Amino acid sequence: MQLASYGAQSMVRPLEDVLVKAPGRAFGRAFEDPAHGFLRPVDLPAAQREHETFVELLEALGVRVHLLDAESASPDLVYAYDPMLVADGGVIPLRSGKANRVGEEDALEEWAAAAGIPTLGRIEAPGTVDGGDTFWLTPEILCIGRSLRTNRSGAEQLAHLVGGRVEIFDVPYGNGPDECLHLLSVISPVAEDAAAVYLPLLPAALWELLTEMGTRLIPVPDEEFGSQGCNLLAVEPGVVVMIEGNPRTQAALEAAGIEVHTFSGREICVNGSGGPTCLTRPIYRS
């Protein structure tokens, strides 16, 4: 593999290198176990086609895409954002609060080690952290959501490992443990000064911080929350990838000056409740 560098302490700076995991047999069987939380039986060939299209779109936008050649018993390894954080100094393997996902971080850490990226530290039991509860508001500010997947111990461990300014927010209970509500379920930065947000579930303290920083908030409507309308991947400031079928959110983004690229994600994203951000682990943002 060839990396220009590593470090991704931003959600919007130009995405140079990204790690993804194609759906395999475990993903195809996901609906058989209710603990995985899939909405319906998986059409695996359709999911694989959607993932291939997603990869082709990223490459067309100038991103170097690296495929994780690993398989696990968990279908959720496809959602590569969650098991590992990439800071400027190296990687931090996380420890998921979803029991069937514990251990996925090992596959990503092994990939990173082979790529020459050091490990800064790990989240240890009883701590839990899902990557979906973390995002960089700026390169100097890491936001962590304390949720049903990320507990107090995990958030405190991660804050210590990252250092600098860390803001921790309580994520609403939502519909409970059977559904995944991450901090990134309700916000996606799309430019240095703009973010798509689902206001009904946005932590009030995060709304206050965004307002103080002058961040433009682009609301996602109720009817497009479940179709991953709030889960967007910025490939550079003001250029995002999102799932087809969210016309009101797409129109609002474009009205705000955001360039939008879409792909079909009915199987790979909506069925497993993970959008374009979830499908990727940014390795380097320049």
C-alpha atoms as a PDB file:
ATOM      1  CA  MET A   1       0.000   0.000   0.000  1.00  0.00           C
ATOM      2  CA  GLN A   2       1.101   3.570  -0.576  1.00  0.00           C
ATOM      3  CA  LEU A   3       0.129   6.394   1.758  1.00  0.00           C
ATOM      4  CA  ALA A   4       0.972  10.038   1.239  1.00  0.00           C
ATOM      5  CA  SER A   5       0.911  10.408   5.019  1.00  0.00           C
ATOM      6  CA  TYR A   6      -1.521   9.805   7.865  1.00  0.00           C
ATOM      7  CA  GLY A   7      -3.576  11.869  10.270  1.00  0.00           C
ATOM      8  CA  ALA A   8      -7.210  12.880  10.006  1.00  0.00           C
ATOM      9  CA  GLN A   9      -7.993  15.467  12.668  1.00  0.00           C
ATOM     10  CA  SER A  10     -10.701  17.023  10.539  1.00  0.00           C
ATOM     11  CA  MET A  11     -14.032  15.988   9.056  1.00  0.00           C
ATOM     12  CA  VAL A  12     -13.799  18.241   6.013  1.00  0.00           C
ATOM     13  CA  ARG A  13     -10.199  18.797   4.911  1.00  0.00           C
ATOM     14  CA  PRO A  14      -9.318  17.134   1.566  1.00  0.00           C
ATOM     15  CA  LEU A  15      -9.642  13.380   1.951  1.00  0.00           C
ATOM     16  CA  GLU A  16      -6.518  11.786   0.491  1.00  0.00           C
ATOM     17  CA  ASP A  17      -6.519   8.210   1.840  1.00  0.00           C
ATOM     18  CA  VAL A  18      -9.435   6.200   3.180  1.00  0.00           C
ATOM     19  CA  LEU A  19      -9.900   2.617   4.367  1.00  0.00           C
ATOM     20  CA  VAL A  20     -13.068   0.686   3.495  1.00  0.00           C
ATOM     21  CA  LYS A  21     -14.329  -2.874   3.961  1.00  0.00           C
ATOM     22  CA  ALA A  22     -16.436  -4.521   1.245  1.00  0.00           C
ATOM     23  CA  PRO A  23     -19.509  -6.503   2.375  1.00  0.00           C
ATOM     24  CA  GLY A  24     -18.922 -10.246   2.532  1.00  0.00           C
ATOM     25  CA  ARG A  25     -20.607 -13.362   3.875  1.00  0.00           C
ATOM     26  CA  ALA A  26     -21.131 -11.991   7.374  1.00  0.00           C
ATOM     27  CA  PHE A  27     -22.905  -8.948   5.976  1.00  0.00           C
ATOM     28  CA  GLY A  28     -25.118 -11.181   3.854  1.00  0.00           C
ATOM     29  CA  ARG A  29     -26.234 -13.084   6.976  1.00  0.00           C
ATOM     30  CA  ALA A  30     -26.732 -10.005   9.156  1.00  0.00           C
ATOM     31  CA  PHE A  31     -30.531 -10.158   9.396  1.00  0.00           C
ATOM     32  CA  GLU A  32     -30.407 -13.703  10.820  1.00  0.00           C
ATOM     33  CA  ASP A  33     -29.353 -12.323  14.226  1.00  0.00           C
ATOM     34  CA  PRO A  34     -31.624  -9.549  15.577  1.00  0.00           C
ATOM     35  CA  ALA A  35     -28.710  -8.264  17.670  1.00  0.00           C
ATOM     36  CA  HIS A  36     -27.165  -6.830  14.497  1.00  0.00           C
ATOM     37  CA  GLY A  37     -30.135  -4.493  14.056  1.00  0.00           C
ATOM     38  CA  PHE A  38     -30.635  -4.845  10.300  1.00  0.00           C
ATOM     39  CA  LEU A  39     -34.039  -3.858   8.956  1.00  0.00           C
ATOM     40  CA  ARG A  40     -34.609  -6.757   6.531  1.00  0.00           C
ATOM     41  CA  PRO A  41     -32.811  -9.693   4.878  1.00  0.00           C
ATOM     42  CA  VAL A  42     -29.728  -8.502   3.014  1.00  0.00           C
ATOM     43  CA  ASP A  43     -29.455  -8.670  -0.760  1.00  0.00           C
ATOM     44  CA  LEU A  44     -25.704  -9.287  -0.705  1.00  0.00           C
ATOM     45  CA  PRO A  45     -25.040  -8.891  -4.468  1.00  0.00           C
ATOM     46  CA  ALA A  46     -26.905  -5.560  -4.386  1.00  0.00           C
ATOM     47  CA  ALA A  47     -24.932  -4.451  -1.324  1.00  0.00           C
ATOM     48  CA  GLN A  48     -21.672  -5.359  -3.046  1.00  0.00           C
ATOM     49  CA  ARG A  49     -22.650  -3.429  -6.178  1.00  0.00           C
ATOM     50  CA  GLU A  50     -23.559  -0.397  -4.095  1.00  0.00           C
ATOM     51  CA  HIS A  51     -20.239  -0.560  -2.273  1.00  0.00           C
ATOM     52  CA  GLU A  52     -18.327  -0.839  -5.551  1.00  0.00           C
ATOM     53  CA  THR A  53     -20.182   2.206  -6.875  1.00  0.00           C
ATOM     54  CA  PHE A  54     -19.361   4.095  -3.681  1.00  0.00           C
ATOM     55  CA  VAL A  55     -15.657   3.255  -4.046  1.00  0.00           C
ATOM     56  CA  GLU A  56     -15.693   4.309  -7.706  1.00  0.00           C
ATOM     57  CA  LEU A  57     -17.295   7.617  -6.735  1.00  0.00           C
ATOM     58  CA  LEU A  58     -14.631   8.308  -4.122  1.00  0.00           C
ATOM     59  CA  GLU A  59     -11.876   7.490  -6.594  1.00  0.00           C
ATOM     60  CA  ALA A  60     -13.455   9.757  -9.204  1.00  0.00           C
ATOM     61  CA  LEU A  61     -13.340  12.535  -6.602  1.00  0.00           C
ATOM     62  CA  GLY A  62      -9.598  11.991  -6.170  1.00  0.00           C
ATOM     63  CA  VAL A  63      -9.528   9.835  -3.031  1.00  0.00           C
ATOM     64  CA  ARG A  64      -7.097   6.898  -2.707  1.00  0.00           C
ATOM     65  CA  VAL A  65      -9.222   4.005  -1.478  1.00  0.00           C
ATOM     66  CA  HIS A  66      -7.651   1.121   0.443  1.00  0.00           C
ATOM     67  CA  LEU A  67      -9.610  -2.121   0.889  1.00  0.00           C
ATOM     68  CA  LEU A  68      -9.423  -3.924   4.217  1.00  0.00           C
ATOM     69  CA  ASP A  69      -8.761  -7.558   3.354  1.00  0.00           C
ATOM     70  CA  ALA A  70     -10.297  -9.062   6.480  1.00  0.00           C
ATOM     71  CA  GLU A  71     -13.480 -10.815   7.475  1.00  0.00           C
ATOM     72  CA  SER A  72     -15.109 -11.225  10.853  1.00  0.00           C
ATOM     73  CA  ALA A  73     -18.189 -12.837  12.319  1.00  0.00           C
ATOM     74  CA  SER A  74     -19.659  -9.347  12.664  1.00  0.00           C
ATOM     75  CA  PRO A  75     -21.347  -7.821   9.614  1.00  0.00           C
ATOM     76  CA  ASP A  76     -20.614  -4.393  11.053  1.00  0.00           C
ATOM     77  CA  LEU A  77     -16.939  -4.426  10.088  1.00  0.00           C
ATOM     78  CA  VAL A  78     -18.205  -2.898   6.831  1.00  0.00           C
ATOM     79  CA  TYR A  79     -18.842   0.237   8.882  1.00  0.00           C
ATOM     80  CA  ALA A  80     -15.126   0.918   9.212  1.00  0.00           C
ATOM     81  CA  TYR A  81     -15.452   4.327  10.885  1.00  0.00           C
ATOM     82  CA  ASP A  82     -16.319   2.829  14.258  1.00  0.00           C
ATOM     83  CA  PRO A  83     -13.415   0.559  15.353  1.00  0.00           C
ATOM     84  CA  MET A  84     -10.516   3.028  15.170  1.00  0.00           C
ATOM     85  CA  LEU A  85      -9.688   6.723  15.410  1.00  0.00           C
ATOM     86  CA  VAL A  86      -6.850   8.242  13.372  1.00  0.00           C
ATOM     87  CA  ALA A  87      -5.184  11.225  15.006  1.00  0.00           C
ATOM     88  CA  ASP A  88      -2.216  13.151  13.674  1.00  0.00           C
ATOM     89  CA  GLY A  89       0.141  11.110  15.852  1.00  0.00           C
ATOM     90  CA  GLY A  90      -1.203   7.671  15.005  1.00  0.00           C
ATOM     91  CA  VAL A  91      -4.168   5.377  15.510  1.00  0.00           C
ATOM     92  CA  ILE A  92      -6.286   4.670  18.569  1.00  0.00           C
ATOM     93  CA  PRO A  93      -8.073   1.303  18.392  1.00  0.00           C
ATOM     94  CA  LEU A  94     -11.448   1.715  20.082  1.00  0.00           C
ATOM     95  CA  ARG A  95     -13.642  -0.753  21.989  1.00  0.00           C
ATOM     96  CA  SER A  96     -17.243  -0.853  20.812  1.00  0.00           C
ATOM     97  CA  GLY A  97     -20.183  -0.711  23.159  1.00  0.00           C
ATOM     98  CA  LYS A  98     -21.948  -3.169  20.827  1.00  0.00           C
ATOM     99  CA  ALA A  99     -20.850  -6.590  22.053  1.00  0.00           C
ATOM    100  CA  ASN A 100     -20.632  -8.274  18.650  1.00  0.00           C
ATOM    101  CA  ARG A 101     -18.271  -5.545  17.391  1.00  0.00           C
ATOM    102  CA  VAL A 102     -15.586  -5.968  20.061  1.00  0.00           C
ATOM    103  CA  GLY A 103     -12.466  -7.231  18.318  1.00  0.00           C
ATOM    104  CA  GLU A 104     -13.031  -5.443  15.008  1.00  0.00           C
ATOM    105  CA  GLU A 105     -10.447  -2.889  16.088  1.00  0.00           C
ATOM    106  CA  ASP A 106      -7.728  -5.543  15.859  1.00  0.00           C
ATOM    107  CA  ALA A 107      -8.173  -5.916  12.097  1.00  0.00           C
ATOM    108  CA  LEU A 108      -7.880  -2.168  11.550  1.00  0.00           C
ATOM    109  CA  GLU A 109      -4.897  -1.838  13.864  1.00  0.00           C
ATOM    110  CA  GLU A 110      -3.112  -4.640  11.998  1.00  0.00           C
ATOM    111  CA  TRP A 111      -3.760  -2.825   8.722  1.00  0.00           C
ATOM    112  CA  ALA A 112      -2.425   0.431  10.179  1.00  0.00           C
ATOM    113  CA  ALA A 113       0.706  -1.268  11.526  1.00  0.00           C
ATOM    114  CA  ALA A 114       1.401  -2.783   8.106  1.00  0.00           C
ATOM    115  CA  ALA A 115       1.068   0.721   6.654  1.00  0.00           C
ATOM    116  CA  GLY A 116       3.638   2.031   9.132  1.00  0.00           C
ATOM    117  CA  ILE A 117       1.185   3.974  11.306  1.00  0.00           C
ATOM    118  CA  PRO A 118       1.939   3.790  15.052  1.00  0.00           C
ATOM    119  CA  THR A 119      -0.603   3.088  17.771  1.00  0.00           C
ATOM    120  CA  LEU A 120      -1.021   5.885  20.308  1.00  0.00           C
ATOM    121  CA  GLY A 121      -2.978   3.806  22.796  1.00  0.00           C
ATOM    122  CA  ARG A 122      -6.115   1.724  23.156  1.00  0.00           C
ATOM    123  CA  ILE A 123      -9.449   1.960  24.917  1.00  0.00           C
ATOM    124  CA  GLU A 124      -9.401  -0.626  27.702  1.00  0.00           C
ATOM    125  CA  ALA A 125     -12.273  -2.319  29.574  1.00  0.00           C
ATOM    126  CA  PRO A 126     -14.558  -1.256  31.102  1.00  0.00           C
ATOM    127  CA  GLY A 127     -14.330   1.656  28.697  1.00  0.00           C
ATOM    128  CA  THR A 128     -16.313   1.626  25.449  1.00  0.00           C
ATOM    129  CA  VAL A 129     -16.112   3.994  22.501  1.00  0.00           C
ATOM    130  CA  ASP A 130     -17.677   3.774  19.048  1.00  0.00           C
ATOM    131  CA  GLY A 131     -16.076   5.920  16.367  1.00  0.00           C
ATOM    132  CA  GLY A 132     -19.541   7.138  15.437  1.00  0.00           C
ATOM    133  CA  ASP A 133     -19.564   9.026  18.735  1.00  0.00           C
ATOM    134  CA  THR A 134     -16.480  11.031  17.767  1.00  0.00           C
ATOM    135  CA  PHE A 135     -15.837  13.863  15.345  1.00  0.00           C
ATOM    136  CA  TRP A 136     -13.370  16.700  14.916  1.00  0.00           C
ATOM    137  CA  LEU A 137     -15.145  20.043  15.076  1.00  0.00           C
ATOM    138  CA  THR A 138     -11.806  21.636  14.223  1.00  0.00           C
ATOM    139  CA  PRO A 139      -8.339  20.036  14.110  1.00  0.00           C
ATOM    140  CA  GLU A 140      -7.915  21.225  17.712  1.00  0.00           C
ATOM    141  CA  ILE A 141     -11.335  20.224  19.085  1.00  0.00           C
ATOM    142  CA  LEU A 142     -12.480  16.601  19.362  1.00  0.00           C
ATOM    143  CA  CYS A 143     -16.139  16.068  20.202  1.00  0.00           C
ATOM    144  CA  ILE A 144     -17.164  12.833  21.946  1.00  0.00           C
ATOM    145  CA  GLY A 145     -20.715  11.659  22.503  1.00  0.00           C
ATOM    146  CA  ARG A 146     -21.482   9.712  25.657  1.00  0.00           C
ATOM    147  CA  SER A 147     -24.108   7.306  24.401  1.00  0.00           C
ATOM    148  CA  LEU A 148     -25.396   3.746  24.717  1.00  0.00           C
ATOM    149  CA  ARG A 149     -22.230   2.718  22.817  1.00  0.00           C
ATOM    150  CA  THR A 150     -19.688   5.067  24.428  1.00  0.00           C
ATOM    151  CA  ASN A 151     -19.510   5.181  28.221  1.00  0.00           C
ATOM    152  CA  ARG A 152     -17.935   7.605  30.664  1.00  0.00           C
ATOM    153  CA  SER A 153     -14.773   5.518  31.114  1.00  0.00           C
ATOM    154  CA  GLY A 154     -14.234   5.219  27.377  1.00  0.00           C
ATOM    155  CA  ALA A 155     -14.809   8.921  26.769  1.00  0.00           C
ATOM    156  CA  GLU A 156     -12.355   9.854  29.526  1.00  0.00           C
ATOM    157  CA  GLN A 157      -9.716   7.421  28.236  1.00  0.00           C
ATOM    158  CA  LEU A 158     -10.047   8.770  24.703  1.00  0.00           C
ATOM    159  CA  ALA A 159      -9.846  12.365  25.884  1.00  0.00           C
ATOM    160  CA  HIS A 160      -6.604  11.541  27.725  1.00  0.00           C
ATOM    161  CA  LEU A 161      -5.077   9.777  24.708  1.00  0.00           C
ATOM    162  CA  VAL A 162      -5.939  12.583  22.277  1.00  0.00           C
ATOM    163  CA  GLY A 163      -5.046  15.443  24.602  1.00  0.00           C
ATOM    164  CA  GLY A 164      -5.839  19.042  23.842  1.00  0.00           C
ATOM    165  CA  ARG A 165      -9.395  20.313  23.868  1.00  0.00           C
ATOM    166  CA  VAL A 166     -12.072  17.626  24.088  1.00  0.00           C
ATOM    167  CA  GLU A 167     -15.774  18.328  24.466  1.00  0.00           C
ATOM    168  CA  ILE A 168     -18.059  15.541  25.726  1.00  0.00           C
ATOM    169  CA  PHE A 169     -21.807  15.599  25.075  1.00  0.00           C
ATOM    170  CA  ASP A 170     -24.612  13.356  26.263  1.00  0.00           C
ATOM    171  CA  VAL A 171     -26.377  11.677  23.320  1.00  0.00           C
ATOM    172  CA  PRO A 172     -30.140  11.117  23.797  1.00  0.00           C
ATOM    173  CA  TYR A 173     -31.417   7.627  24.633  1.00  0.00           C
ATOM    174  CA  GLY A 174     -33.440   7.713  21.410  1.00  0.00           C
ATOM    175  CA  ASN A 175     -35.161   4.380  20.745  1.00  0.00           C
ATOM    176  CA  GLY A 176     -32.895   2.476  23.093  1.00  0.00           C
ATOM    177  CA  PRO A 177     -30.233  -0.227  22.762  1.00  0.00           C
ATOM    178  CA  ASP A 178     -31.902  -2.002  19.842  1.00  0.00           C
ATOM    179  CA  GLU A 179     -31.192   0.987  17.596  1.00  0.00           C
ATOM    180  CA  CYS A 180     -27.891   2.778  17.245  1.00  0.00           C
ATOM    181  CA  LEU A 181     -27.921   6.511  17.973  1.00  0.00           C
ATOM    182  CA  HIS A 182     -24.420   7.925  17.684  1.00  0.00           C
ATOM    183  CA  LEU A 183     -23.351  11.537  17.983  1.00  0.00           C
ATOM    184  CA  LEU A 184     -22.671  11.425  14.231  1.00  0.00           C
ATOM    185  CA  SER A 185     -26.247  10.259  13.683  1.00  0.00           C
ATOM    186  CA  VAL A 186     -27.308  13.854  14.293  1.00  0.00           C
ATOM    187  CA  ILE A 187     -24.479  15.957  12.815  1.00  0.00           C
ATOM    188  CA  SER A 188     -22.208  15.894   9.771  1.00  0.00           C
ATOM    189  CA  PRO A 189     -19.729  18.732   9.218  1.00  0.00           C
ATOM    190  CA  VAL A 190     -19.755  19.643   5.513  1.00  0.00           C
ATOM    191  CA  ALA A 191     -17.433  22.667   5.449  1.00  0.00           C
ATOM    192  CA  GLU A 192     -15.225  24.520   7.907  1.00  0.00           C
ATOM    193  CA  ASP A 193     -18.196  26.688   8.873  1.00  0.00           C
ATOM    194  CA  ALA A 194     -21.204  24.468   8.110  1.00  0.00           C
ATOM    195  CA  ALA A 195     -22.819  21.247   9.292  1.00  0.00           C
ATOM    196  CA  ALA A 196     -25.922  19.246   8.476  1.00  0.00           C
ATOM    197  CA  VAL A 197     -27.833  18.580  11.696  1.00  0.00           C
ATOM    198  CA  TYR A 198     -30.909  16.767  12.911  1.00  0.00           C
ATOM    199  CA  LEU A 199     -32.020  19.357  15.436  1.00  0.00           C
ATOM    200  CA  PRO A 200     -34.571  17.316  17.450  1.00  0.00           C
ATOM    201  CA  LEU A 201     -31.803  15.013  18.772  1.00  0.00           C
ATOM    202  CA  LEU A 202     -28.834  17.403  18.738  1.00  0.00           C
ATOM    203  CA  PRO A 203     -27.377  17.805  22.262  1.00  0.00           C
ATOM    204  CA  ALA A 204     -28.175  21.282  23.511  1.00  0.00           C
ATOM    205  CA  ALA A 205     -24.584  21.875  24.626  1.00  0.00           C
ATOM    206  CA  LEU A 206     -23.347  21.001  21.136  1.00  0.00           C
ATOM    207  CA  TRP A 207     -25.879  23.390  19.593  1.00  0.00           C
ATOM    208  CA  GLU A 208     -24.539  26.077  21.941  1.00  0.00           C
ATOM    209  CA  LEU A 209     -20.921  25.389  20.903  1.00  0.00           C
ATOM    210  CA  LEU A 210     -21.791  25.406  17.205  1.00  0.00           C
ATOM    211  CA  THR A 211     -23.640  28.681  17.631  1.00  0.00           C
ATOM    212  CA  GLU A 212     -20.733  30.248  19.509  1.00  0.00           C
ATOM    213  CA  MET A 213     -18.380  29.242  16.682  1.00  0.00           C
ATOM    214  CA  GLY A 214     -20.645  30.708  14.006  1.00  0.00           C
ATOM    215  CA  THR A 215     -21.291  27.347  12.330  1.00  0.00           C
ATOM    216  CA  ARG A 216     -24.067  27.408   9.740  1.00  0.00           C
ATOM    217  CA  LEU A 217     -26.623  24.724  10.572  1.00  0.00           C
ATOM    218  CA  ILE A 218     -28.369  22.961   7.687  1.00  0.00           C
ATOM    219  CA  PRO A 219     -31.414  21.146   9.124  1.00  0.00           C
ATOM    220  CA  VAL A 220     -32.295  17.596   8.066  1.00  0.00           C
ATOM    221  CA  PRO A 221     -36.074  16.984   7.993  1.00  0.00           C
ATOM    222  CA  ASP A 222     -37.749  14.287  10.074  1.00  0.00           C
ATOM    223  CA  GLU A 223     -38.655  12.140   7.074  1.00  0.00           C
ATOM    224  CA  GLU A 224     -35.019  11.919   5.897  1.00  0.00           C
ATOM    225  CA  PHE A 225     -33.409  11.106   9.228  1.00  0.00           C
ATOM    226  CA  GLY A 226     -34.042   7.355   8.968  1.00  0.00           C
ATOM    227  CA  SER A 227     -32.752   7.258   5.382  1.00  0.00           C
ATOM    228  CA  GLN A 228     -29.342   8.537   6.545  1.00  0.00           C
ATOM    229  CA  GLY A 229     -29.951  12.077   5.338  1.00  0.00           C
ATOM    230  CA  CYS A 230     -27.790  13.375   8.184  1.00  0.00           C
ATOM    231  CA  ASN A 231     -24.891  11.004   7.479  1.00  0.00           C
ATOM    232  CA  LEU A 232     -22.666  12.772   4.948  1.00  0.00           C
ATOM    233  CA  LEU A 233     -19.023  12.297   3.988  1.00  0.00           C
ATOM    234  CA  ALA A 234     -17.086  15.445   3.144  1.00  0.00           C
ATOM    235  CA  VAL A 235     -14.281  14.769   0.645  1.00  0.00           C
ATOM    236  CA  GLU A 236     -13.160  18.384   0.855  1.00  0.00           C
ATOM    237  CA  PRO A 237     -14.686  21.552   2.290  1.00  0.00           C
ATOM    238  CA  GLY A 238     -18.051  22.074   0.605  1.00  0.00           C
ATOM    239  CA  VAL A 239     -18.029  18.793  -1.355  1.00  0.00           C
ATOM    240  CA  VAL A 240     -19.938  15.840   0.091  1.00  0.00           C
ATOM    241  CA  VAL A 241     -21.140  12.335  -0.697  1.00  0.00           C
ATOM    242  CA  MET A 242     -24.602  11.279   0.431  1.00  0.00           C
ATOM    243  CA  ILE A 243     -27.167   8.538  -0.177  1.00  0.00           C
ATOM    244  CA  GLU A 244     -29.786   8.929  -2.879  1.00  0.00           C
ATOM    245  CA  GLY A 245     -33.342   9.460  -1.726  1.00  0.00           C
ATOM    246  CA  ASN A 246     -32.926  12.495   0.529  1.00  0.00           C
ATOM    247  CA  PRO A 247     -34.078  15.279  -1.807  1.00  0.00           C
ATOM    248  CA  ARG A 248     -34.950  17.899   0.798  1.00  0.00           C
ATOM    249  CA  THR A 249     -31.594  17.579   2.541  1.00  0.00           C
ATOM    250  CA  GLN A 250     -29.777  17.595  -0.796  1.00  0.00           C
ATOM    251  CA  ALA A 251     -31.645  20.737  -1.869  1.00  0.00           C
ATOM    252  CA  ALA A 252     -30.832  22.463   1.428  1.00  0.00           C
ATOM    253  CA  LEU A 253     -27.156  21.575   1.086  1.00  0.00           C
ATOM    254  CA  GLU A 254     -26.994  22.848  -2.476  1.00  0.00           C
ATOM    255  CA  ALA A 255     -28.794  26.050  -1.473  1.00  0.00           C
ATOM    256  CA  ALA A 256     -26.046  26.531   1.119  1.00  0.00           C
ATOM    257  CA  GLY A 257     -23.388  26.233  -1.601  1.00  0.00           C
ATOM    258  CA  ILE A 258     -22.440  22.602  -0.936  1.00  0.00           C
ATOM    259  CA  GLU A 259     -21.594  20.368  -3.928  1.00  0.00           C
ATOM    260  CA  VAL A 260     -23.405  17.044  -3.509  1.00  0.00           C
ATOM    261  CA  HIS A 261     -22.601  13.645  -5.041  1.00  0.00           C
ATOM    262  CA  THR A 262     -24.988  10.746  -4.450  1.00  0.00           C
ATOM    263  CA  PHE A 263     -25.020   6.964  -4.721  1.00  0.00           C
ATOM    264  CA  SER A 264     -27.570   4.244  -4.051  1.00  0.00           C
ATOM    265  CA  GLY A 265     -27.210   2.887  -0.520  1.00  0.00           C
ATOM    266  CA  ARG A 266     -30.436   1.031   0.180  1.00  0.00           C
ATOM    267  CA  GLU A 267     -28.671  -2.201   1.148  1.00  0.00           C
ATOM    268  CA  ILE A 268     -25.210  -1.127   2.199  1.00  0.00           C
ATOM    269  CA  CYS A 269     -26.344   1.889   4.228  1.00  0.00           C
ATOM    270  CA  VAL A 270     -30.034   2.128   5.090  1.00  0.00           C
ATOM    271  CA  ASN A 271     -30.533  -1.575   5.878  1.00  0.00           C
ATOM    272  CA  GLY A 272     -27.690  -1.593   8.406  1.00  0.00           C
ATOM    273  CA  SER A 273     -28.237   2.009   9.562  1.00  0.00           C
ATOM    274  CA  GLY A 274     -24.830   3.286   8.478  1.00  0.00           C
ATOM    275  CA  GLY A 275     -24.223   6.083   5.983  1.00  0.00           C
ATOM    276  CA  PRO A 276     -21.229   7.170   3.878  1.00  0.00           C
ATOM    277  CA  THR A 277     -19.239   8.336   6.898  1.00  0.00           C
ATOM    278  CA  CYS A 278     -19.792   4.974   8.595  1.00  0.00           C
ATOM    279  CA  LEU A 279     -18.461   3.134   5.523  1.00  0.00           C
ATOM    280  CA  THR A 280     -15.099   4.896   5.715  1.00  0.00           C
ATOM    281  CA  ARG A 281     -12.150   5.256   8.041  1.00  0.00           C
ATOM    282  CA  PRO A 282     -10.290   8.372   6.882  1.00  0.00           C
ATOM    283  CA  ILE A 283      -6.556   7.751   7.128  1.00  0.00           C
ATOM    284  CA  TYR A 284      -5.198  11.037   5.822  1.00  0.00           C
ATOM    285  CA  ARG A 285      -6.780  14.429   5.313  1.00  0.00           C
ATOM    286  CA  SER A 286      -4.352  17.029   4.000  1.00  0.00           C
END
